[in-house]
Every structure is written in C-alpha cells, then in structure tokens.
Amino acid sequence: MGFLAPIDSVFLLGESREHPMHVGGMHLYVPPEGAGPDYAREMYESFIAQHEMHPLYRNRPVNPVGTLGNIRMVQDQDVDLEYHVRLSALPRPGRVRELLALVSRIHGTLLDRHRPLWEMHVIEGLEDNRLAIYHKIHHSLLDGITALKMLERTLSTDPDARDCPAPWSPHEKRPRTNSRSGPNPLALLRSGADLIGDVAGLAPTAVRLANQALRGSDVLGPMQAPRSMFNVPIGGARRFAAQTWPMDRLSSVAKATGTKLNDVVLAMCAGALREYLLEQSALPDDPLITAVPVSLRAPGDQGGGNAVSIILCNLATDQADPVRRLETIAHSMRQSKEFMRSVTPLQAMAIGAVNMSSIALNQIPGYARFAQPSFNILISNVPGPTEDLFYNGARLDGLYPLSIVLDGFALNITLTSRAGYLDFGLTGDRHSVPHLQRLLTHLEDSLTDLEKATA
C-alpha cells in the first residue's frame, strides 16, 4: 500500500454524488468475419476468465469512509471480476442514440470505493452489429495519456491475432502505480537540489504570470474569463455525445493557414460553441477562455498517476470570421506554450494549479454562481493510435473519451486521434447543457466554414 501524490489525491478528496471523479472511454468494435450472434457474450466470458491483474486495477482506498481513504491506496487481492465486468444489451432498435443514453447513465454513477476503482461494460445490440465497450476508471489512478497507452497494449495491429490480453492484464512495460511501500531515500537525495530550486522558483513564476497578465500580455492568467451558461452549479446526471471526423480535413486547414492541428481543433470547437450559445441566446460579449491540458511526461515515460499542467487559450468567440478566430487562437496558444517552455516542469505544474484554482473554489457553496471563472470550458486532445488496431480480430472503430464536469464547468470536450481520425467525446451536465447533441452539428458546420474560408 502507499500514499497518493497530492495531485492524484485531489480527485478523491473532491468527489461527491454531483461530482464523480472517474474518466471513461466508449470503444466501438467491428466483429471479425464469421462472428456469430453470441459474439458479445463470448467476449465478456473471455474477459472474466482472465484473473491475472495489473496492480493498478487492484487499487482501492484503504479506508473508504475515512480521511485516510482519500490519500492512501491498498492492493485488493481478491478482485470480483463478475462485479467489475458487465454484459448489457441495448433496447431495440439499438441505434447510436440508445447507446449514448446508456453510456450517459453509467458515466453519471459513482464507483464503489470498497472495491478497486474501475468498471467495464460490454454492450451488444447495435443495429449495425458493432460492439461497444464502455470502460471507466478513477482519475486518481491515471491520466488520459496513461489510459490510452494501457489500452494500446491490449490491442494488436494483426487482425488474425487471437491472444490479446484484457485491459487489466499485466504487461511487460508496466506503468508506475500509486501503490508503493515507501519513498526511495537515494532518489530523494539525488533530486533534492533540483527540487529545492524548483520550489524556490514557484513564487517568482506566479508573480511573473500575474505581471504579464496585468501588462496586457497575450498569456492569459486566472479569473479573466467571462461568465457563461457553462459556469454554473451542476447535478450528478450526465449527457454524452460523440462523433468522428477525418483528420485530413483539419490538417488541410492547418496547412493552408500555417497553424497547428490542435489550433484547428480549438477553432472548430470555438465556432461550434459560438453558434450553440447564439442558439441559446447566451453568447458573452467577451471571448470564451478554454483550459487546455498539456502533458509534462518525458519521452519514454510509461505513465501512471497524473503528470499534466493547464494552459489557457482565448477562443475568440466574439469574432464571427472563422479565419480571424483561428489566427487569434493560434497566437494565444503560441504565447502560452512559449511561456510554459521557459519554466521547469514543477513550476509548470504550479502554474496549472493556479489556472485550475477556481475548480476547488467552486466547491464552496454558492461560489460558482457569482465568482469570475478562470476559464469557461476544458478542451483536451489526447494522442491515440496511429494505425488500425484489433482485439482478437475485432477492429477498433471508435475511441470516444468521457471526462469530468464540475460545479462551474458544466461542459468538457475531449478528443482522441485514431488511425487518421479524430474521435470527439462531449460530456455535459444533463440539466445545464440542454440539447448537447446539437454541438455535434455545430462542430461539422464550424469545420466546413473553415474549409470554405481557406480553400
């Protein structure tokens, strides 16, 4: 057993019925040729037969009802796979709409802290014969990049392979887990000087960030976002919407404008949010600000826990012209990235904590209703597999992420790249973000506008 890192412990400390703190993924698979009508049950039974388990999937809070359970994990030696892995069927006609409704309900329920903090649902009954798997795991155990790395290790590039492991099976290259017997004194001695230097730099860095914001710098600091319909208290129910776009379409816009692919992603989202808010008669006069997670992992880092910071970006939703909007976004991202490159990783994490500080403050009753938000929405682009992958012959046909929404931040847009495609997952509070699926139409319209303007 071992203590969690502070950033990981926050996800347990901040959890409540209104704020489940797990992340998830909805994966679509095309069954292999010759698969029969019982293919989903066969896959489910193959999962629950695999009892060998990665330590990460054994982690549970050491004392679920006490304070210690928020900061310390223990390894559960007897994991009940028939509880964690479930087989479900969609009501007829089994459209994607019914799948999204089911996944929305499951995503809104808390994980049982008396058990390891994960669940997996095998879902059959889609009218096009595809199979869905929804997998959720507590954010205190890993970040999105680690989750994708672990998923990719279970899949194969060979459509004929039939020996793929379950997601919880041990792997040769194991991610770091949060369960450890204690600190390594030699490692602490080796890193002590660097750590002291980094900590000493935190206050000057925070002052530098504030000074730049006060001088009108393009680097955004906290509490500069306008109030919007997304910055309100939320309930525990969720809506989820998902759709795929070919990466080539966004890459063509990026090439034509000399911007980055992620700049085009943000511009696509900005245009969609602008139209959605206009539709709701709720577009602020000032531009929306998005929080964008950036990984702090070194090359070769296999993951485990959370190693991310947050930068803020001007979405230019006050501008009607799609190209000017993209240019403003690209400039804002350049400025923020250059600033983050000028500081150490620890200082970068501290800046991210400052940018995210309003999340903690929003848990104070009434705060989210009146306070100035640090940002309006979180948009995250997680790199995924670059080639087609298969699970025992079933081809991966969709990799849609589901994330966390909180008081003051009722909408989250997360996307994953997959073999030439971008899979968007939109997670929203069911009450505060009505007609969430309309954002999918607006995303398509926003991308089309960019394509026309840059053709």
Protein backbone atom coordinates (compact mmCIF):
# COMPACT_ATOMS: atom_id res chain seq x y z
CA MET A 1 0.00 0.00 0.00
CA GLY A 2 1.15 3.61 -0.44
CA PHE A 3 0.23 7.26 -0.29
CA LEU A 4 -1.08 9.04 -3.35
CA ALA A 5 0.69 12.01 -4.88
CA PRO A 6 -1.13 15.25 -3.94
CA ILE A 7 -2.43 15.87 -7.47
CA ASP A 8 -3.88 12.31 -7.56
CA SER A 9 -5.41 12.61 -4.09
CA VAL A 10 -7.34 15.74 -5.17
CA PHE A 11 -9.57 13.57 -7.37
CA LEU A 12 -10.65 11.52 -4.34
CA LEU A 13 -10.98 14.48 -1.98
CA GLY A 14 -13.17 16.40 -4.43
CA GLU A 15 -15.55 13.57 -5.27
CA SER A 16 -19.26 13.73 -4.37
CA ARG A 17 -22.54 12.47 -5.80
CA GLU A 18 -22.71 15.57 -8.03
CA HIS A 19 -19.05 15.24 -9.00
CA PRO A 20 -17.96 11.71 -9.94
CA MET A 21 -14.21 11.80 -10.49
CA HIS A 22 -13.70 9.00 -12.98
CA VAL A 23 -12.75 9.19 -16.63
CA GLY A 24 -14.02 6.78 -19.24
CA GLY A 25 -13.93 5.64 -22.82
CA MET A 26 -16.55 4.27 -25.18
CA HIS A 27 -14.90 1.98 -27.73
CA LEU A 28 -16.67 0.63 -30.82
CA TYR A 29 -15.56 -2.60 -32.48
CA VAL A 30 -16.48 -4.27 -35.77
CA PRO A 31 -16.63 -8.05 -35.05
CA PRO A 32 -14.35 -10.29 -37.13
CA GLU A 33 -15.69 -12.08 -40.17
CA GLY A 34 -17.68 -15.16 -39.19
CA ALA A 35 -18.56 -13.89 -35.70
CA GLY A 36 -21.89 -15.33 -34.56
CA PRO A 37 -24.82 -13.75 -32.68
CA ASP A 38 -23.25 -14.64 -29.32
CA TYR A 39 -20.01 -12.78 -30.04
CA ALA A 40 -20.54 -10.18 -27.28
CA ARG A 41 -21.18 -12.87 -24.66
CA GLU A 42 -18.11 -14.77 -25.82
CA MET A 43 -16.00 -11.63 -25.44
CA TYR A 44 -17.48 -10.98 -21.99
CA GLU A 45 -16.74 -14.54 -20.86
CA SER A 46 -13.19 -14.30 -22.16
CA PHE A 47 -12.71 -11.16 -20.08
CA ILE A 48 -13.93 -12.60 -16.78
CA ALA A 49 -11.74 -15.67 -17.30
CA GLN A 50 -8.57 -13.50 -17.17
CA HIS A 51 -7.79 -13.24 -13.45
CA GLU A 52 -4.16 -12.15 -13.63
CA MET A 53 -4.22 -8.44 -12.88
CA HIS A 54 -2.06 -5.34 -13.19
CA PRO A 55 -1.54 -3.69 -9.76
CA LEU A 56 -3.29 -0.52 -10.95
CA TYR A 57 -6.54 -2.48 -11.27
CA ARG A 58 -6.26 -3.77 -7.70
CA ASN A 59 -6.07 -0.32 -6.11
CA ARG A 60 -8.83 0.75 -3.73
CA PRO A 61 -8.92 3.36 -0.93
CA VAL A 62 -7.52 1.89 2.27
CA ASN A 63 -10.47 3.17 4.31
CA PRO A 64 -13.38 4.26 2.12
CA VAL A 65 -15.26 6.18 4.82
CA GLY A 66 -12.32 7.92 6.49
CA THR A 67 -9.94 10.73 5.63
CA LEU A 68 -7.08 8.27 5.09
CA GLY A 69 -9.08 6.71 2.24
CA ASN A 70 -8.62 9.91 0.26
CA ILE A 71 -4.84 9.78 0.33
CA ARG A 72 -3.82 6.15 0.59
CA MET A 73 -4.40 3.04 -1.53
CA VAL A 74 -4.26 -0.67 -0.75
CA GLN A 75 -3.96 -3.62 -3.14
CA ASP A 76 -7.12 -5.75 -3.23
CA GLN A 77 -6.00 -9.36 -3.61
CA ASP A 78 -9.46 -10.76 -4.41
CA VAL A 79 -10.97 -8.77 -7.29
CA ASP A 80 -14.52 -9.85 -8.20
CA LEU A 81 -14.39 -9.70 -11.99
CA GLU A 82 -18.08 -10.57 -12.36
CA TYR A 83 -18.82 -7.32 -10.47
CA HIS A 84 -16.40 -5.14 -12.40
CA VAL A 85 -17.13 -6.53 -15.89
CA ARG A 86 -20.77 -6.47 -17.03
CA LEU A 87 -22.69 -7.54 -20.12
CA SER A 88 -25.52 -5.26 -21.27
CA ALA A 89 -27.84 -5.11 -24.28
CA LEU A 90 -29.42 -2.06 -25.91
CA PRO A 91 -33.20 -1.79 -26.29
CA ARG A 92 -34.33 -2.16 -29.89
CA PRO A 93 -33.69 -0.70 -32.40
CA GLY A 94 -30.21 -0.33 -30.92
CA ARG A 95 -29.27 2.99 -32.51
CA VAL A 96 -26.25 5.05 -31.51
CA ARG A 97 -28.73 7.32 -29.71
CA GLU A 98 -29.67 4.48 -27.34
CA LEU A 99 -26.00 3.61 -26.85
CA LEU A 100 -25.14 7.18 -25.89
CA ALA A 101 -28.11 7.34 -23.49
CA LEU A 102 -26.95 4.14 -21.74
CA VAL A 103 -23.34 5.31 -21.52
CA SER A 104 -24.51 8.70 -20.19
CA ARG A 105 -26.35 6.98 -17.31
CA ILE A 106 -23.44 4.70 -16.44
CA HIS A 107 -20.96 7.58 -16.55
CA GLY A 108 -23.02 9.55 -14.03
CA THR A 109 -22.81 6.88 -11.29
CA LEU A 110 -20.05 6.74 -8.66
CA LEU A 111 -17.52 3.94 -8.44
CA ASP A 112 -17.72 1.81 -5.29
CA ARG A 113 -14.84 2.80 -3.01
CA HIS A 114 -14.99 -0.57 -1.23
CA ARG A 115 -13.67 -2.14 -4.44
CA PRO A 116 -10.92 -1.35 -6.95
CA LEU A 117 -11.89 1.85 -8.72
CA TRP A 118 -12.90 0.70 -12.21
CA GLU A 119 -15.70 -0.90 -14.23
CA MET A 120 -16.08 -2.24 -17.78
CA HIS A 121 -19.36 -2.77 -19.67
CA VAL A 122 -19.62 -4.92 -22.81
CA ILE A 123 -22.66 -3.64 -24.73
CA GLU A 124 -24.37 -5.55 -27.53
CA GLY A 125 -27.45 -4.89 -29.66
CA LEU A 126 -26.35 -2.10 -32.03
CA GLU A 127 -28.36 -2.36 -35.23
CA ASP A 128 -25.21 -2.24 -37.38
CA ASN A 129 -23.81 -5.28 -35.48
CA ARG A 130 -20.93 -3.34 -33.97
CA LEU A 131 -19.99 -3.98 -30.34
CA ALA A 132 -19.41 -1.27 -27.73
CA ILE A 133 -17.24 -1.37 -24.64
CA TYR A 134 -17.51 1.37 -22.02
CA HIS A 135 -14.63 1.41 -19.54
CA LYS A 136 -14.32 3.81 -16.62
CA ILE A 137 -11.54 4.22 -14.06
CA HIS A 138 -10.96 6.73 -11.28
CA HIS A 139 -8.89 9.77 -12.24
CA SER A 140 -6.82 9.37 -9.05
CA LEU A 141 -5.25 6.27 -10.64
CA LEU A 142 -4.21 7.63 -14.03
CA ASP A 143 -4.50 10.40 -16.60
CA GLY A 144 -5.83 10.14 -20.14
CA ILE A 145 -2.45 9.52 -21.77
CA THR A 146 -1.74 6.60 -19.43
CA ALA A 147 -5.20 5.15 -20.07
CA LEU A 148 -4.62 5.21 -23.83
CA LYS A 149 -1.19 3.64 -23.51
CA MET A 150 -2.64 0.81 -21.46
CA LEU A 151 -5.44 0.29 -23.98
CA GLU A 152 -2.99 0.16 -26.90
CA ARG A 153 -1.01 -2.57 -25.14
CA THR A 154 -4.10 -4.80 -25.13
CA LEU A 155 -4.69 -4.41 -28.89
CA SER A 156 -2.84 -5.77 -31.90
CA THR A 157 -2.06 -4.47 -35.37
CA ASP A 158 -2.61 -8.04 -36.63
CA PRO A 159 -6.28 -8.78 -37.45
CA ASP A 160 -5.52 -12.51 -37.16
CA ALA A 161 -4.13 -12.33 -33.61
CA ARG A 162 -6.28 -14.13 -31.03
CA ASP A 163 -4.17 -13.78 -27.89
CA CYS A 164 -4.97 -10.18 -26.87
CA PRO A 165 -4.98 -9.64 -23.09
CA ALA A 166 -7.73 -7.96 -21.07
CA PRO A 167 -7.15 -4.28 -20.20
CA TRP A 168 -6.29 -5.23 -16.61
CA SER A 169 -3.77 -7.95 -17.52
CA PRO A 170 -0.14 -7.34 -16.52
CA HIS A 171 2.18 -6.08 -19.25
CA GLU A 172 5.92 -6.22 -19.72
CA LYS A 173 6.24 -2.43 -19.60
CA ARG A 174 4.17 -1.64 -16.58
CA PRO A 175 3.07 1.92 -15.81
CA ARG A 176 4.03 3.22 -12.42
CA THR A 177 1.30 2.59 -9.87
CA ASN A 178 0.31 4.70 -6.92
CA SER A 179 0.82 1.76 -4.55
CA ARG A 180 4.35 1.62 -3.22
CA SER A 181 5.96 0.65 0.05
CA GLY A 182 7.63 3.99 0.63
CA PRO A 183 9.93 6.67 -0.79
CA ASN A 184 13.38 5.87 -2.12
CA PRO A 185 15.86 7.82 0.05
CA LEU A 186 18.63 7.71 -2.58
CA ALA A 187 16.31 9.07 -5.25
CA LEU A 188 15.24 11.84 -2.90
CA LEU A 189 18.86 12.76 -2.21
CA ARG A 190 19.72 12.80 -5.91
CA SER A 191 16.77 15.04 -6.78
CA GLY A 192 16.87 17.20 -3.67
CA ALA A 193 18.87 20.08 -5.10
CA ASP A 194 16.73 20.31 -8.22
CA LEU A 195 13.54 20.12 -6.15
CA ILE A 196 14.63 22.92 -3.81
CA GLY A 197 15.48 25.08 -6.81
CA ASP A 198 12.11 24.42 -8.39
CA VAL A 199 10.17 25.18 -5.21
CA ALA A 200 12.12 28.39 -4.75
CA GLY A 201 11.08 29.37 -8.25
CA LEU A 202 7.35 28.87 -7.70
CA ALA A 203 6.60 32.26 -6.19
CA PRO A 204 8.57 34.26 -8.77
CA THR A 205 6.88 32.26 -11.53
CA ALA A 206 3.43 33.01 -10.16
CA VAL A 207 4.34 36.70 -9.87
CA ARG A 208 5.73 36.68 -13.40
CA LEU A 209 2.49 35.17 -14.72
CA ALA A 210 0.40 37.76 -12.89
CA ASN A 211 2.61 40.63 -14.06
CA GLN A 212 2.36 39.53 -17.68
CA ALA A 213 -1.42 39.40 -17.42
CA LEU A 214 -1.55 42.83 -15.78
CA ARG A 215 0.67 44.31 -18.51
CA GLY A 216 -1.84 43.15 -21.13
CA SER A 217 0.28 40.21 -22.24
CA ASP A 218 -1.28 37.61 -24.51
CA VAL A 219 -0.54 34.97 -21.83
CA LEU A 220 -3.82 34.53 -20.01
CA GLY A 221 -3.97 34.30 -16.24
CA PRO A 222 -6.82 33.11 -13.99
CA MET A 223 -10.09 34.99 -13.44
CA GLN A 224 -10.13 36.62 -16.91
CA ALA A 225 -12.93 34.55 -18.47
CA PRO A 226 -16.46 35.93 -18.84
CA ARG A 227 -19.37 34.29 -17.06
CA SER A 228 -21.27 31.86 -19.30
CA MET A 229 -24.07 29.30 -19.13
CA PHE A 230 -21.39 26.63 -18.58
CA ASN A 231 -20.10 28.24 -15.37
CA VAL A 232 -22.90 27.18 -13.03
CA PRO A 233 -23.51 24.60 -10.28
CA ILE A 234 -24.30 21.13 -11.66
CA GLY A 235 -26.08 17.93 -10.69
CA GLY A 236 -24.96 14.32 -10.90
CA ALA A 237 -26.63 13.28 -14.19
CA ARG A 238 -24.68 13.44 -17.45
CA ARG A 239 -25.22 13.72 -21.19
CA PHE A 240 -22.71 12.30 -23.64
CA ALA A 241 -22.38 12.94 -27.38
CA ALA A 242 -19.79 11.52 -29.76
CA GLN A 243 -18.75 11.80 -33.39
CA THR A 244 -15.75 11.14 -35.65
CA TRP A 245 -14.05 13.43 -38.19
CA PRO A 246 -11.28 12.56 -40.69
CA MET A 247 -8.01 14.11 -39.56
CA ASP A 248 -7.16 15.05 -43.16
CA ARG A 249 -9.91 17.68 -43.17
CA LEU A 250 -8.39 19.52 -40.20
CA SER A 251 -4.83 19.00 -41.43
CA SER A 252 -5.71 20.68 -44.74
CA VAL A 253 -6.96 23.77 -42.88
CA ALA A 254 -3.82 23.80 -40.72
CA LYS A 255 -1.58 23.59 -43.79
CA ALA A 256 -3.46 26.35 -45.61
CA THR A 257 -3.22 28.72 -42.64
CA GLY A 258 0.22 27.83 -41.26
CA THR A 259 -1.26 26.76 -37.93
CA LYS A 260 -1.11 23.58 -35.82
CA LEU A 261 -3.65 20.75 -36.00
CA ASN A 262 -4.68 21.42 -32.40
CA ASP A 263 -5.21 25.11 -33.23
CA VAL A 264 -7.74 23.98 -35.85
CA VAL A 265 -9.36 21.64 -33.30
CA LEU A 266 -9.78 24.57 -30.92
CA ALA A 267 -11.10 26.81 -33.72
CA MET A 268 -13.58 24.10 -34.74
CA CYS A 269 -14.79 23.91 -31.13
CA ALA A 270 -14.87 27.70 -30.81
CA GLY A 271 -17.09 28.09 -33.86
CA ALA A 272 -19.41 25.37 -32.57
CA LEU A 273 -19.62 26.93 -29.10
CA ARG A 274 -20.34 30.36 -30.61
CA GLU A 275 -23.27 29.02 -32.65
CA TYR A 276 -24.58 26.93 -29.76
CA LEU A 277 -24.53 29.92 -27.40
CA LEU A 278 -26.17 32.15 -30.01
CA GLU A 279 -28.87 29.50 -30.34
CA GLN A 280 -29.37 29.65 -26.57
CA SER A 281 -29.25 33.50 -26.57
CA ALA A 282 -26.31 33.16 -24.18
CA LEU A 283 -23.16 34.28 -26.04
CA PRO A 284 -21.00 36.51 -23.79
CA ASP A 285 -19.66 39.76 -25.26
CA ASP A 286 -16.11 38.78 -24.27
CA PRO A 287 -14.44 35.69 -25.79
CA LEU A 288 -14.70 32.35 -24.04
CA ILE A 289 -11.50 31.04 -22.45
CA THR A 290 -10.64 27.35 -22.62
CA ALA A 291 -8.31 25.35 -20.40
CA VAL A 292 -6.03 23.07 -22.45
CA PRO A 293 -4.18 20.23 -20.66
CA VAL A 294 -0.55 19.72 -21.69
CA SER A 295 1.47 16.64 -20.79
CA LEU A 296 4.62 17.05 -18.70
CA ARG A 297 5.81 13.49 -19.28
CA ALA A 298 9.35 12.98 -20.57
CA PRO A 299 9.86 10.83 -23.69
CA GLY A 300 9.65 7.17 -22.71
CA ASP A 301 7.64 7.83 -19.53
CA GLN A 302 5.20 4.91 -19.37
CA GLY A 303 2.63 6.79 -17.30
CA GLY A 304 0.78 6.16 -14.06
CA GLY A 305 -0.80 8.85 -11.88
CA ASN A 306 -1.22 12.32 -13.35
CA ALA A 307 1.51 14.48 -14.94
CA VAL A 308 -0.24 17.36 -16.63
CA SER A 309 -0.44 21.12 -16.48
CA ILE A 310 -3.05 23.53 -17.81
CA ILE A 311 -2.66 26.48 -20.16
CA LEU A 312 -5.40 28.96 -21.03
CA CYS A 313 -6.40 29.93 -24.56
CA ASN A 314 -8.56 32.71 -26.00
CA LEU A 315 -11.26 31.04 -28.15
CA ALA A 316 -12.18 34.32 -29.90
CA THR A 317 -15.90 33.51 -29.79
CA ASP A 318 -16.56 37.26 -30.08
CA GLN A 319 -15.32 37.12 -33.70
CA ALA A 320 -17.69 36.00 -36.47
CA ASP A 321 -14.97 35.41 -39.08
CA PRO A 322 -13.65 31.81 -38.82
CA VAL A 323 -10.14 32.62 -40.12
CA ARG A 324 -9.63 35.55 -37.74
CA ARG A 325 -10.88 33.31 -34.95
CA LEU A 326 -8.30 30.65 -35.88
CA GLU A 327 -5.50 33.23 -36.07
CA THR A 328 -6.35 34.56 -32.61
CA ILE A 329 -6.42 31.04 -31.16
CA ALA A 330 -3.10 30.09 -32.77
CA HIS A 331 -1.46 33.26 -31.40
CA SER A 332 -2.84 32.66 -27.90
CA MET A 333 -1.61 29.04 -27.88
CA ARG A 334 1.86 30.06 -29.13
CA GLN A 335 2.25 32.62 -26.37
CA SER A 336 1.15 30.18 -23.65
CA LYS A 337 3.38 27.35 -24.90
CA GLU A 338 6.43 29.62 -25.11
CA PHE A 339 5.82 30.73 -21.56
CA MET A 340 5.49 27.14 -20.31
CA ARG A 341 8.72 26.14 -22.07
CA SER A 342 10.54 28.86 -20.14
CA VAL A 343 9.84 27.27 -16.73
CA THR A 344 10.67 23.93 -15.10
CA PRO A 345 8.16 21.02 -15.02
CA LEU A 346 7.40 21.61 -11.33
CA GLN A 347 6.80 25.30 -11.97
CA ALA A 348 4.63 24.35 -14.94
CA MET A 349 2.52 22.16 -12.67
CA ALA A 350 2.23 25.05 -10.22
CA ILE A 351 1.00 27.35 -12.99
CA GLY A 352 -1.54 24.71 -13.94
CA ALA A 353 -2.68 24.55 -10.33
CA VAL A 354 -3.14 28.34 -10.29
CA ASN A 355 -5.10 28.19 -13.54
CA MET A 356 -7.28 25.41 -12.10
CA SER A 357 -7.70 27.01 -8.69
CA SER A 358 -11.27 28.06 -9.37
CA ILE A 359 -12.26 24.38 -9.60
CA ALA A 360 -11.50 23.97 -5.90
CA LEU A 361 -13.12 27.30 -5.03
CA ASN A 362 -16.26 26.32 -6.94
CA GLN A 363 -16.87 23.54 -4.44
CA ILE A 364 -17.63 26.22 -1.83
CA PRO A 365 -21.45 26.52 -1.75
CA GLY A 366 -22.61 29.48 -3.84
CA TYR A 367 -19.16 30.35 -5.22
CA ALA A 368 -19.84 29.14 -8.77
CA ARG A 369 -22.95 31.32 -9.06
CA PHE A 370 -21.18 34.63 -8.55
CA ALA A 371 -17.40 34.34 -8.96
CA GLN A 372 -15.44 35.21 -12.09
CA PRO A 373 -14.35 31.90 -13.70
CA SER A 374 -10.74 31.17 -14.61
CA PHE A 375 -11.97 29.53 -17.81
CA ASN A 376 -15.28 28.55 -19.37
CA ILE A 377 -14.63 25.09 -20.76
CA LEU A 378 -11.91 22.44 -20.89
CA ILE A 379 -10.86 21.09 -24.31
CA SER A 380 -8.36 18.23 -24.36
CA ASN A 381 -6.75 16.49 -27.35
CA VAL A 382 -5.18 13.15 -26.37
CA PRO A 383 -2.93 11.44 -28.95
CA GLY A 384 -4.01 7.89 -29.70
CA PRO A 385 -3.02 5.02 -32.03
CA THR A 386 -1.70 5.88 -35.49
CA GLU A 387 -2.74 2.63 -37.22
CA ASP A 388 -5.69 0.24 -37.22
CA LEU A 389 -5.89 -1.91 -34.10
CA PHE A 390 -7.75 -5.13 -33.33
CA TYR A 391 -8.89 -7.00 -30.25
CA ASN A 392 -8.87 -10.71 -31.12
CA GLY A 393 -9.87 -9.87 -34.68
CA ALA A 394 -12.46 -7.18 -33.85
CA ARG A 395 -11.41 -3.88 -35.46
CA LEU A 396 -11.38 -0.76 -33.30
CA ASP A 397 -13.84 1.61 -35.00
CA GLY A 398 -14.24 4.38 -32.42
CA LEU A 399 -12.33 5.64 -29.37
CA TYR A 400 -14.53 8.22 -27.66
CA PRO A 401 -13.35 9.71 -24.35
CA LEU A 402 -15.66 10.68 -21.48
CA SER A 403 -14.38 13.11 -18.91
CA ILE A 404 -15.25 15.03 -15.76
CA VAL A 405 -17.54 18.05 -15.34
CA LEU A 406 -17.77 20.04 -12.11
CA ASP A 407 -19.51 22.96 -10.46
CA GLY A 408 -18.64 25.97 -12.57
CA PHE A 409 -17.57 23.84 -15.55
CA ALA A 410 -20.62 22.05 -16.94
CA LEU A 411 -19.14 21.03 -20.31
CA ASN A 412 -16.00 19.13 -21.29
CA ILE A 413 -14.78 18.37 -24.82
CA THR A 414 -12.14 15.66 -25.11
CA LEU A 415 -10.96 14.05 -28.33
CA THR A 416 -8.62 11.25 -29.28
CA SER A 417 -6.71 10.66 -32.51
CA ARG A 418 -7.10 7.21 -34.08
CA ALA A 419 -5.50 5.99 -37.32
CA GLY A 420 -6.32 9.09 -39.36
CA TYR A 421 -9.47 10.07 -37.46
CA LEU A 422 -10.39 12.33 -34.55
CA ASP A 423 -12.97 10.89 -32.16
CA PHE A 424 -14.76 13.64 -30.19
CA GLY A 425 -16.43 12.94 -26.85
CA LEU A 426 -18.60 15.68 -25.31
CA THR A 427 -19.53 15.29 -21.65
CA GLY A 428 -22.04 17.72 -20.14
CA ASP A 429 -24.24 18.22 -17.11
CA ARG A 430 -27.67 16.96 -18.11
CA HIS A 431 -29.56 19.99 -16.79
CA SER A 432 -27.16 22.86 -17.52
CA VAL A 433 -26.25 21.93 -21.11
CA PRO A 434 -29.53 21.25 -22.97
CA HIS A 435 -29.56 19.58 -26.40
CA LEU A 436 -25.90 18.66 -26.10
CA GLN A 437 -26.06 16.69 -29.35
CA ARG A 438 -26.66 19.98 -31.23
CA LEU A 439 -22.99 20.75 -30.63
CA LEU A 440 -22.08 17.90 -32.99
CA THR A 441 -23.93 19.62 -35.84
CA HIS A 442 -22.26 22.90 -34.98
CA LEU A 443 -18.82 21.22 -34.94
CA GLU A 444 -19.39 19.98 -38.50
CA ASP A 445 -20.64 23.40 -39.62
CA SER A 446 -17.66 25.11 -37.96
CA LEU A 447 -15.17 22.86 -39.75
CA THR A 448 -16.98 23.37 -43.07
CA ASP A 449 -16.79 27.15 -42.61
CA LEU A 450 -13.02 26.90 -42.02
CA GLU A 451 -12.60 24.72 -45.10
CA LYS A 452 -14.54 27.15 -47.30
CA ALA A 453 -12.67 30.18 -45.96
CA THR A 454 -9.24 28.62 -46.57
CA ALA A 455 -9.90 26.81 -49.86
